[in-house]
C-alpha atoms as a PDB file:
ATOM      1  CA  UNK A   1      51.479 -37.138   9.056  1.00  0.00           C
ATOM      2  CA  UNK A   2      53.857 -35.449   6.613  1.00  0.00           C
ATOM      3  CA  UNK A   3      52.819 -34.270   3.170  1.00  0.00           C
ATOM      4  CA  UNK A   4      55.201 -36.809   1.655  1.00  0.00           C
ATOM      5  CA  UNK A   5      53.518 -39.690   3.471  1.00  0.00           C
ATOM      6  CA  UNK A   6      50.106 -38.464   2.292  1.00  0.00           C
ATOM      7  CA  UNK A   7      51.430 -38.283  -1.270  1.00  0.00           C
ATOM      8  CA  UNK A   8      52.850 -41.802  -1.082  1.00  0.00           C
ATOM      9  CA  UNK A   9      49.518 -43.104   0.178  1.00  0.00           C
ATOM     10  CA  UNK A  10      47.808 -41.540  -2.841  1.00  0.00           C
ATOM     11  CA  UNK A  11      50.442 -42.974  -5.181  1.00  0.00           C
ATOM     12  CA  UNK A  12      49.745 -46.429  -3.748  1.00  0.00           C
ATOM     13  CA  UNK A  13      45.992 -46.030  -4.169  1.00  0.00           C
ATOM     14  CA  UNK A  14      46.384 -44.729  -7.731  1.00  0.00           C
ATOM     15  CA  UNK A  15      48.593 -47.685  -8.643  1.00  0.00           C
ATOM     16  CA  UNK A  16      45.957 -50.087  -7.360  1.00  0.00           C
ATOM     17  CA  UNK A  17      43.357 -48.274  -9.487  1.00  0.00           C
ATOM     18  CA  UNK A  18      45.608 -48.439 -12.557  1.00  0.00           C
ATOM     19  CA  UNK A  19      45.965 -52.189 -12.099  1.00  0.00           C
ATOM     20  CA  UNK A  20      42.179 -52.525 -12.039  1.00  0.00           C
ATOM     21  CA  UNK A  21      41.823 -50.153 -15.006  1.00  0.00           C
ATOM     22  CA  UNK A  22      44.339 -52.208 -17.012  1.00  0.00           C
ATOM     23  CA  UNK A  23      41.982 -55.184 -16.875  1.00  0.00           C
ATOM     24  CA  UNK A  24      39.321 -53.096 -18.609  1.00  0.00           C
ATOM     25  CA  UNK A  25      41.570 -51.253 -21.071  1.00  0.00           C
ATOM     26  CA  UNK A  26      43.399 -54.457 -22.004  1.00  0.00           C
ATOM     27  CA  UNK A  27      40.015 -55.951 -22.930  1.00  0.00           C
ATOM     28  CA  UNK A  28      40.883 -59.304 -21.396  1.00  0.00           C
ATOM     29  CA  UNK A  29      44.067 -59.864 -23.419  1.00  0.00           C
ATOM     30  CA  UNK A  30      46.583 -61.164 -20.855  1.00  0.00           C
ATOM     31  CA  UNK A  31      49.652 -59.599 -22.478  1.00  0.00           C
ATOM     32  CA  UNK A  32      47.995 -56.198 -22.916  1.00  0.00           C
ATOM     33  CA  UNK A  33      46.863 -56.218 -19.298  1.00  0.00           C
ATOM     34  CA  UNK A  34      50.361 -57.209 -18.135  1.00  0.00           C
ATOM     35  CA  UNK A  35      52.012 -54.522 -20.309  1.00  0.00           C
ATOM     36  CA  UNK A  36      49.756 -51.788 -18.905  1.00  0.00           C
ATOM     37  CA  UNK A  37      50.390 -52.868 -15.323  1.00  0.00           C
ATOM     38  CA  UNK A  38      54.141 -53.028 -15.857  1.00  0.00           C
ATOM     39  CA  UNK A  39      54.053 -49.553 -17.436  1.00  0.00           C
ATOM     40  CA  UNK A  40      52.267 -48.228 -14.343  1.00  0.00           C
ATOM     41  CA  UNK A  41      54.964 -49.682 -12.065  1.00  0.00           C
ATOM     42  CA  UNK A  42      57.737 -48.320 -14.331  1.00  0.00           C
ATOM     43  CA  UNK A  43      56.260 -44.821 -14.178  1.00  0.00           C
ATOM     44  CA  UNK A  44      55.853 -44.895 -10.400  1.00  0.00           C
ATOM     45  CA  UNK A  45      59.328 -46.267  -9.653  1.00  0.00           C
ATOM     46  CA  UNK A  46      60.833 -43.685 -12.034  1.00  0.00           C
ATOM     47  CA  UNK A  47      59.287 -40.901  -9.924  1.00  0.00           C
ATOM     48  CA  UNK A  48      61.153 -42.040  -6.806  1.00  0.00           C
ATOM     49  CA  UNK A  49      64.343 -43.198  -8.521  1.00  0.00           C
ATOM     50  CA  UNK A  50      64.544 -40.302 -10.996  1.00  0.00           C
ATOM     51  CA  UNK A  51      67.143 -39.602 -13.678  1.00  0.00           C
ATOM     52  CA  UNK A  52      70.057 -40.316 -13.783  1.00  0.00           C
ATOM     53  CA  UNK A  53      68.568 -43.662 -12.678  1.00  0.00           C
ATOM     54  CA  UNK A  54      66.823 -45.302 -15.631  1.00  0.00           C
ATOM     55  CA  UNK A  55      64.076 -47.910 -15.851  1.00  0.00           C
ATOM     56  CA  UNK A  56      64.295 -50.864 -18.239  1.00  0.00           C
ATOM     57  CA  UNK A  57      62.909 -54.344 -18.847  1.00  0.00           C
ATOM     58  CA  UNK A  58      64.478 -57.603 -20.011  1.00  0.00           C
ATOM     59  CA  UNK A  59      67.223 -60.131 -19.341  1.00  0.00           C
ATOM     60  CA  UNK A  60      70.237 -59.126 -17.272  1.00  0.00           C
ATOM     61  CA  UNK A  61      73.672 -60.563 -18.094  1.00  0.00           C
ATOM     62  CA  UNK A  62      76.867 -60.738 -16.068  1.00  0.00           C
ATOM     63  CA  UNK A  63      80.501 -60.836 -17.196  1.00  0.00           C
ATOM     64  CA  UNK A  64      80.761 -64.554 -16.357  1.00  0.00           C
ATOM     65  CA  UNK A  65      78.237 -65.694 -18.970  1.00  0.00           C
ATOM     66  CA  UNK A  66      75.202 -65.722 -16.681  1.00  0.00           C
ATOM     67  CA  UNK A  67      71.806 -64.556 -17.904  1.00  0.00           C
ATOM     68  CA  UNK A  68      68.640 -63.957 -15.887  1.00  0.00           C
ATOM     69  CA  UNK A  69      65.067 -64.569 -16.900  1.00  0.00           C
ATOM     70  CA  UNK A  70      63.276 -61.547 -18.374  1.00  0.00           C
ATOM     71  CA  UNK A  71      62.501 -59.096 -15.556  1.00  0.00           C
ATOM     72  CA  UNK A  72      59.531 -56.721 -15.665  1.00  0.00           C
ATOM     73  CA  UNK A  73      61.253 -53.655 -14.173  1.00  0.00           C
ATOM     74  CA  UNK A  74      64.998 -53.077 -13.801  1.00  0.00           C
ATOM     75  CA  UNK A  75      66.363 -49.948 -12.125  1.00  0.00           C
ATOM     76  CA  UNK A  76      69.691 -49.078 -13.707  1.00  0.00           C
ATOM     77  CA  UNK A  77      72.444 -47.219 -11.905  1.00  0.00           C
ATOM     78  CA  UNK A  78      73.538 -43.854 -13.365  1.00  0.00           C
ATOM     79  CA  UNK A  79      76.837 -45.546 -14.274  1.00  0.00           C
ATOM     80  CA  UNK A  80      75.119 -48.094 -16.545  1.00  0.00           C
ATOM     81  CA  UNK A  81      75.947 -47.418 -20.225  1.00  0.00           C
ATOM     82  CA  UNK A  82      73.169 -46.079 -22.434  1.00  0.00           C
ATOM     83  CA  UNK A  83      72.735 -49.336 -24.370  1.00  0.00           C
ATOM     84  CA  UNK A  84      69.506 -48.273 -26.061  1.00  0.00           C
ATOM     85  CA  UNK A  85      68.377 -49.511 -29.466  1.00  0.00           C
ATOM     86  CA  UNK A  86      65.618 -48.228 -31.757  1.00  0.00           C
ATOM     87  CA  UNK A  87      62.318 -47.669 -29.993  1.00  0.00           C
ATOM     88  CA  UNK A  88      64.116 -46.550 -26.821  1.00  0.00           C
ATOM     89  CA  UNK A  89      64.488 -50.149 -25.577  1.00  0.00           C
ATOM     90  CA  UNK A  90      67.625 -51.264 -23.767  1.00  0.00           C
ATOM     91  CA  UNK A  91      69.388 -53.905 -25.857  1.00  0.00           C
ATOM     92  CA  UNK A  92      71.765 -55.067 -23.109  1.00  0.00           C
ATOM     93  CA  UNK A  93      71.320 -54.890 -19.318  1.00  0.00           C
ATOM     94  CA  UNK A  94      74.528 -55.394 -17.333  1.00  0.00           C
ATOM     95  CA  UNK A  95      74.573 -56.881 -13.825  1.00  0.00           C
ATOM     96  CA  UNK A  96      77.305 -54.484 -12.709  1.00  0.00           C
ATOM     97  CA  UNK A  97      75.016 -51.527 -13.395  1.00  0.00           C
ATOM     98  CA  UNK A  98      71.652 -52.962 -12.303  1.00  0.00           C
ATOM     99  CA  UNK A  99      70.466 -51.822  -8.867  1.00  0.00           C
ATOM    100  CA  UNK A 100      67.011 -53.419  -8.576  1.00  0.00           C
ATOM    101  CA  UNK A 101      65.208 -56.239 -10.354  1.00  0.00           C
ATOM    102  CA  UNK A 102      61.463 -55.844  -9.730  1.00  0.00           C
ATOM    103  CA  UNK A 103      59.142 -58.644 -10.775  1.00  0.00           C
ATOM    104  CA  UNK A 104      55.532 -57.467 -11.094  1.00  0.00           C
ATOM    105  CA  UNK A 105      52.946 -60.103 -10.149  1.00  0.00           C
ATOM    106  CA  UNK A 106      49.643 -58.270  -9.554  1.00  0.00           C
ATOM    107  CA  UNK A 107      47.884 -61.302  -8.049  1.00  0.00           C
ATOM    108  CA  UNK A 108      49.858 -63.700  -5.880  1.00  0.00           C
ATOM    109  CA  UNK A 109      46.898 -65.970  -5.324  1.00  0.00           C
ATOM    110  CA  UNK A 110      48.125 -69.236  -6.809  1.00  0.00           C
ATOM    111  CA  UNK A 111      51.085 -71.475  -6.064  1.00  0.00           C
ATOM    112  CA  UNK A 112      52.218 -71.437  -9.702  1.00  0.00           C
ATOM    113  CA  UNK A 113      52.271 -67.629  -9.875  1.00  0.00           C
ATOM    114  CA  UNK A 114      54.150 -67.310  -6.583  1.00  0.00           C
ATOM    115  CA  UNK A 115      56.730 -69.881  -7.631  1.00  0.00           C
ATOM    116  CA  UNK A 116      57.235 -68.143 -10.996  1.00  0.00           C
ATOM    117  CA  UNK A 117      58.014 -64.890  -9.197  1.00  0.00           C
ATOM    118  CA  UNK A 118      60.458 -66.605  -6.828  1.00  0.00           C
ATOM    119  CA  UNK A 119      62.151 -68.356  -9.754  1.00  0.00           C
ATOM    120  CA  UNK A 120      62.495 -65.091 -11.715  1.00  0.00           C
ATOM    121  CA  UNK A 121      64.193 -63.338  -8.803  1.00  0.00           C
ATOM    122  CA  UNK A 122      66.469 -66.300  -8.065  1.00  0.00           C
ATOM    123  CA  UNK A 123      67.685 -66.177 -11.686  1.00  0.00           C
ATOM    124  CA  UNK A 124      68.762 -62.578 -11.020  1.00  0.00           C
ATOM    125  CA  UNK A 125      70.309 -63.236  -7.608  1.00  0.00           C
ATOM    126  CA  UNK A 126      72.549 -65.940  -9.123  1.00  0.00           C
ATOM    127  CA  UNK A 127      74.229 -63.398 -11.401  1.00  0.00           C
ATOM    128  CA  UNK A 128      77.650 -62.266 -10.250  1.00  0.00           C
ATOM    129  CA  UNK A 129      79.109 -58.805 -10.286  1.00  0.00           C
ATOM    130  CA  UNK A 130      82.778 -58.557 -11.210  1.00  0.00           C
ATOM    131  CA  UNK A 131      83.998 -56.521  -8.232  1.00  0.00           C
ATOM    132  CA  UNK A 132      85.160 -59.392  -6.034  1.00  0.00           C
ATOM    133  CA  UNK A 133      86.757 -57.133  -3.449  1.00  0.00           C
ATOM    134  CA  UNK A 134      83.436 -55.529  -2.479  1.00  0.00           C
ATOM    135  CA  UNK A 135      81.268 -56.623   0.485  1.00  0.00           C
ATOM    136  CA  UNK A 136      79.176 -59.728  -0.184  1.00  0.00           C
ATOM    137  CA  UNK A 137      75.877 -57.830  -0.161  1.00  0.00           C
ATOM    138  CA  UNK A 138      76.950 -55.675  -3.133  1.00  0.00           C
ATOM    139  CA  UNK A 139      77.770 -58.689  -5.295  1.00  0.00           C
ATOM    140  CA  UNK A 140      74.139 -59.569  -6.014  1.00  0.00           C
ATOM    141  CA  UNK A 141      71.362 -57.484  -7.545  1.00  0.00           C
ATOM    142  CA  UNK A 142      68.581 -56.416  -5.205  1.00  0.00           C
ATOM    143  CA  UNK A 143      65.487 -58.533  -5.897  1.00  0.00           C
ATOM    144  CA  UNK A 144      61.957 -57.216  -5.300  1.00  0.00           C
ATOM    145  CA  UNK A 145      58.581 -58.847  -5.961  1.00  0.00           C
ATOM    146  CA  UNK A 146      55.710 -56.366  -6.303  1.00  0.00           C
ATOM    147  CA  UNK A 147      52.087 -57.466  -6.061  1.00  0.00           C
ATOM    148  CA  UNK A 148      48.701 -55.886  -5.502  1.00  0.00           C
ATOM    149  CA  UNK A 149      46.864 -58.796  -3.878  1.00  0.00           C
ATOM    150  CA  UNK A 150      47.511 -62.144  -2.233  1.00  0.00           C
ATOM    151  CA  UNK A 151      45.729 -64.596   0.039  1.00  0.00           C
ATOM    152  CA  UNK A 152      43.596 -63.173   2.846  1.00  0.00           C
ATOM    153  CA  UNK A 153      45.590 -65.468   5.154  1.00  0.00           C
ATOM    154  CA  UNK A 154      49.193 -64.311   4.760  1.00  0.00           C
ATOM    155  CA  UNK A 155      50.489 -67.564   6.247  1.00  0.00           C
ATOM    156  CA  UNK A 156      49.442 -69.311   3.018  1.00  0.00           C
ATOM    157  CA  UNK A 157      51.764 -67.076   1.002  1.00  0.00           C
ATOM    158  CA  UNK A 158      54.613 -67.616   3.458  1.00  0.00           C
ATOM    159  CA  UNK A 159      54.028 -71.369   3.356  1.00  0.00           C
ATOM    160  CA  UNK A 160      54.349 -71.489  -0.455  1.00  0.00           C
ATOM    161  CA  UNK A 161      57.507 -69.363  -0.327  1.00  0.00           C
ATOM    162  CA  UNK A 162      59.081 -71.527   2.365  1.00  0.00           C
ATOM    163  CA  UNK A 163      58.194 -74.775   0.621  1.00  0.00           C
ATOM    164  CA  UNK A 164      59.685 -73.568  -2.670  1.00  0.00           C
ATOM    165  CA  UNK A 165      62.944 -72.417  -1.095  1.00  0.00           C
ATOM    166  CA  UNK A 166      63.373 -75.548   1.017  1.00  0.00           C
ATOM    167  CA  UNK A 167      62.454 -78.048  -1.714  1.00  0.00           C
ATOM    168  CA  UNK A 168      64.720 -76.332  -4.260  1.00  0.00           C
ATOM    169  CA  UNK A 169      67.509 -75.695  -1.724  1.00  0.00           C
ATOM    170  CA  UNK A 170      67.674 -72.008  -2.615  1.00  0.00           C
ATOM    171  CA  UNK A 171      70.434 -70.334  -0.637  1.00  0.00           C
ATOM    172  CA  UNK A 172      69.538 -67.254   1.357  1.00  0.00           C
ATOM    173  CA  UNK A 173      71.736 -65.073  -0.837  1.00  0.00           C
ATOM    174  CA  UNK A 174      69.666 -66.171  -3.855  1.00  0.00           C
ATOM    175  CA  UNK A 175      66.284 -65.326  -2.285  1.00  0.00           C
ATOM    176  CA  UNK A 176      64.275 -62.123  -2.761  1.00  0.00           C
ATOM    177  CA  UNK A 177      65.068 -59.091  -0.610  1.00  0.00           C
ATOM    178  CA  UNK A 178      61.596 -57.537  -0.483  1.00  0.00           C
ATOM    179  CA  UNK A 179      58.118 -58.764  -1.320  1.00  0.00           C
ATOM    180  CA  UNK A 180      55.595 -55.922  -1.489  1.00  0.00           C
ATOM    181  CA  UNK A 181      51.828 -56.400  -1.256  1.00  0.00           C
ATOM    182  CA  UNK A 182      50.501 -52.952  -2.149  1.00  0.00           C
ATOM    183  CA  UNK A 183      48.400 -51.271   0.563  1.00  0.00           C
ATOM    184  CA  UNK A 184      48.889 -54.236   2.881  1.00  0.00           C
ATOM    185  CA  UNK A 185      52.383 -55.329   3.940  1.00  0.00           C
ATOM    186  CA  UNK A 186      56.025 -55.940   3.085  1.00  0.00           C
ATOM    187  CA  UNK A 187      57.951 -59.155   3.662  1.00  0.00           C
ATOM    188  CA  UNK A 188      61.585 -58.319   4.392  1.00  0.00           C
ATOM    189  CA  UNK A 189      64.130 -61.115   3.983  1.00  0.00           C
ATOM    190  CA  UNK A 190      66.745 -60.580   6.694  1.00  0.00           C
ATOM    191  CA  UNK A 191      70.115 -62.295   6.389  1.00  0.00           C
ATOM    192  CA  UNK A 192      73.293 -61.783   8.411  1.00  0.00           C
ATOM    193  CA  UNK A 193      76.037 -60.398   6.222  1.00  0.00           C
ATOM    194  CA  UNK A 194      73.717 -59.756   3.284  1.00  0.00           C
ATOM    195  CA  UNK A 195      71.374 -56.907   2.375  1.00  0.00           C
ATOM    196  CA  UNK A 196      69.244 -56.618   5.505  1.00  0.00           C
ATOM    197  CA  UNK A 197      70.272 -57.315   9.068  1.00  0.00           C
ATOM    198  CA  UNK A 198      67.895 -58.733  11.689  1.00  0.00           C
ATOM    199  CA  UNK A 199      66.656 -56.102  14.136  1.00  0.00           C
ATOM    200  CA  UNK A 200      67.247 -56.349  17.861  1.00  0.00           C
ATOM    201  CA  UNK A 201      69.144 -59.610  17.593  1.00  0.00           C
ATOM    202  CA  UNK A 202      66.283 -61.400  15.845  1.00  0.00           C
ATOM    203  CA  UNK A 203      66.799 -64.548  13.774  1.00  0.00           C
ATOM    204  CA  UNK A 204      67.459 -64.618  10.068  1.00  0.00           C
ATOM    205  CA  UNK A 205      64.417 -65.095   7.904  1.00  0.00           C
ATOM    206  CA  UNK A 206      61.175 -63.406   6.944  1.00  0.00           C
ATOM    207  CA  UNK A 207      60.075 -60.276   8.767  1.00  0.00           C
ATOM    208  CA  UNK A 208      56.542 -59.061   8.021  1.00  0.00           C
ATOM    209  CA  UNK A 209      55.847 -55.327   8.236  1.00  0.00           C
ATOM    210  CA  UNK A 210      52.103 -54.692   8.456  1.00  0.00           C
ATOM    211  CA  UNK A 211      52.323 -51.294   6.766  1.00  0.00           C
ATOM    212  CA  UNK A 212      48.772 -51.008   5.336  1.00  0.00           C
ATOM    213  CA  UNK A 213      48.207 -47.791   3.399  1.00  0.00           C
ATOM    214  CA  UNK A 214      51.857 -46.859   4.016  1.00  0.00           C
ATOM    215  CA  UNK A 215      53.189 -49.916   2.195  1.00  0.00           C
ATOM    216  CA  UNK A 216      54.536 -48.021  -0.809  1.00  0.00           C
ATOM    217  CA  UNK A 217      56.301 -45.594   1.534  1.00  0.00           C
ATOM    218  CA  UNK A 218      57.835 -48.577   3.319  1.00  0.00           C
ATOM    219  CA  UNK A 219      58.936 -50.064  -0.004  1.00  0.00           C
ATOM    220  CA  UNK A 220      60.703 -46.854  -1.009  1.00  0.00           C
ATOM    221  CA  UNK A 221      62.379 -46.590   2.410  1.00  0.00           C
ATOM    222  CA  UNK A 222      63.717 -50.148   2.405  1.00  0.00           C
ATOM    223  CA  UNK A 223      64.774 -50.007  -1.235  1.00  0.00           C
ATOM    224  CA  UNK A 224      66.845 -46.961  -0.365  1.00  0.00           C
ATOM    225  CA  UNK A 225      68.545 -48.954   2.401  1.00  0.00           C
ATOM    226  CA  UNK A 226      69.757 -51.593  -0.026  1.00  0.00           C
ATOM    227  CA  UNK A 227      73.280 -51.219  -1.471  1.00  0.00           C
ATOM    228  CA  UNK A 228      73.543 -50.040  -5.058  1.00  0.00           C
ATOM    229  CA  UNK A 229      75.836 -51.381  -7.759  1.00  0.00           C
ATOM    230  CA  UNK A 230      77.757 -48.111  -7.608  1.00  0.00           C
ATOM    231  CA  UNK A 231      77.958 -46.004  -4.455  1.00  0.00           C
ATOM    232  CA  UNK A 232      75.889 -42.829  -4.291  1.00  0.00           C
ATOM    233  CA  UNK A 233      77.588 -39.524  -3.667  1.00  0.00           C
ATOM    234  CA  UNK A 234      75.170 -39.007  -0.769  1.00  0.00           C
ATOM    235  CA  UNK A 235      72.236 -40.807   0.821  1.00  0.00           C
ATOM    236  CA  UNK A 236      68.778 -40.612  -0.673  1.00  0.00           C
ATOM    237  CA  UNK A 237      66.882 -37.419   0.149  1.00  0.00           C
ATOM    238  CA  UNK A 238      63.572 -39.220   0.567  1.00  0.00           C
ATOM    239  CA  UNK A 239      64.853 -41.590   3.264  1.00  0.00           C
ATOM    240  CA  UNK A 240      64.988 -38.694   5.732  1.00  0.00           C
ATOM    241  CA  UNK A 241      61.249 -38.077   5.403  1.00  0.00           C
ATOM    242  CA  UNK A 242      59.941 -41.601   6.049  1.00  0.00           C
ATOM    243  CA  UNK A 243      60.030 -42.757   9.680  1.00  0.00           C
ATOM    244  CA  UNK A 244      60.134 -46.528  10.031  1.00  0.00           C
ATOM    245  CA  UNK A 245      58.350 -46.513  13.390  1.00  0.00           C
ATOM    246  CA  UNK A 246      55.332 -44.830  11.724  1.00  0.00           C
ATOM    247  CA  UNK A 247      54.893 -47.573   9.130  1.00  0.00           C
ATOM    248  CA  UNK A 248      53.293 -50.257  11.289  1.00  0.00           C
ATOM    249  CA  UNK A 249      54.163 -53.267  13.465  1.00  0.00           C
ATOM    250  CA  UNK A 250      56.763 -55.852  12.481  1.00  0.00           C
ATOM    251  CA  UNK A 251      56.359 -59.566  13.144  1.00  0.00           C
ATOM    252  CA  UNK A 252      58.742 -62.505  12.947  1.00  0.00           C
ATOM    253  CA  UNK A 253      57.112 -65.602  11.522  1.00  0.00           C
ATOM    254  CA  UNK A 254      58.670 -68.276  13.726  1.00  0.00           C
ATOM    255  CA  UNK A 255      57.595 -71.397  11.747  1.00  0.00           C
ATOM    256  CA  UNK A 256      58.878 -69.891   8.493  1.00  0.00           C
ATOM    257  CA  UNK A 257      62.183 -68.825  10.006  1.00  0.00           C
ATOM    258  CA  UNK A 258      62.724 -72.214  11.602  1.00  0.00           C
ATOM    259  CA  UNK A 259      62.108 -73.942   8.264  1.00  0.00           C
ATOM    260  CA  UNK A 260      64.481 -71.612   6.423  1.00  0.00           C
ATOM    261  CA  UNK A 261      67.196 -71.999   9.064  1.00  0.00           C
ATOM    262  CA  UNK A 262      67.999 -75.394   7.531  1.00  0.00           C
ATOM    263  CA  UNK A 263      69.310 -73.495   4.493  1.00  0.00           C
ATOM    264  CA  UNK A 264      71.896 -71.632   6.581  1.00  0.00           C
ATOM    265  CA  UNK A 265      74.478 -74.363   6.082  1.00  0.00           C
ATOM    266  CA  UNK A 266      74.254 -73.825   2.327  1.00  0.00           C
ATOM    267  CA  UNK A 267      75.552 -70.285   2.704  1.00  0.00           C
ATOM    268  CA  UNK A 268      78.739 -71.504   4.337  1.00  0.00           C
ATOM    269  CA  UNK A 269      79.883 -72.756   0.939  1.00  0.00           C
ATOM    270  CA  UNK A 270      79.529 -69.345  -0.698  1.00  0.00           C
END
């Protein structure tokens, strides 16, 4: 195992500890606990998307009048203007310069919390970038849900996700790209013509990577495979040091993918 992989394992473990520590330091105040956990995610993401990327929080707007819900962690492209007000807070976040919208939900162990996360990301995915001539997958912001725990039975999480998307008729292009359960697994949302492509001719839908202690490494790898709002001069350095085949087995969830296939016709109207 490479030194980088060992480091990423430690980063993942430390983040889990910081989440637990936030519950003590926040002294039971929900907002204080949430703020400390979000700060821990901000700091970690900033280490692997360093300056000139910048990390922010808040609503994202597009040039067509759209506005997202408030997002916990937004990774801004180097081309995004430095729209910072007093206190070093970004006053305006622009869709055309936002690369990742990361919603932090430490405990995905209730239907309400899962649905809130899905709704937050959908509000981002519905924003439109102004460069109409670009490939379809670059016209939406990459949406990531980051959590530390979920149900012991992963099928329960997938069932809630599927039910929400089907009942609310959420198009594939408006669904999350990655859902990360720290130190356990990643759910990759594969769509033809969008951000991820099914492997080996597999169907569109949810692909579960059982990455265990290498989950944060997997998250960084797959985030670096997603298109940015502005093209990099060169590929990410870190992507060359993480081998996908070393991260764990991948599984298609057939019932979930069959349920989501009914939404495919909605994409034809895009």
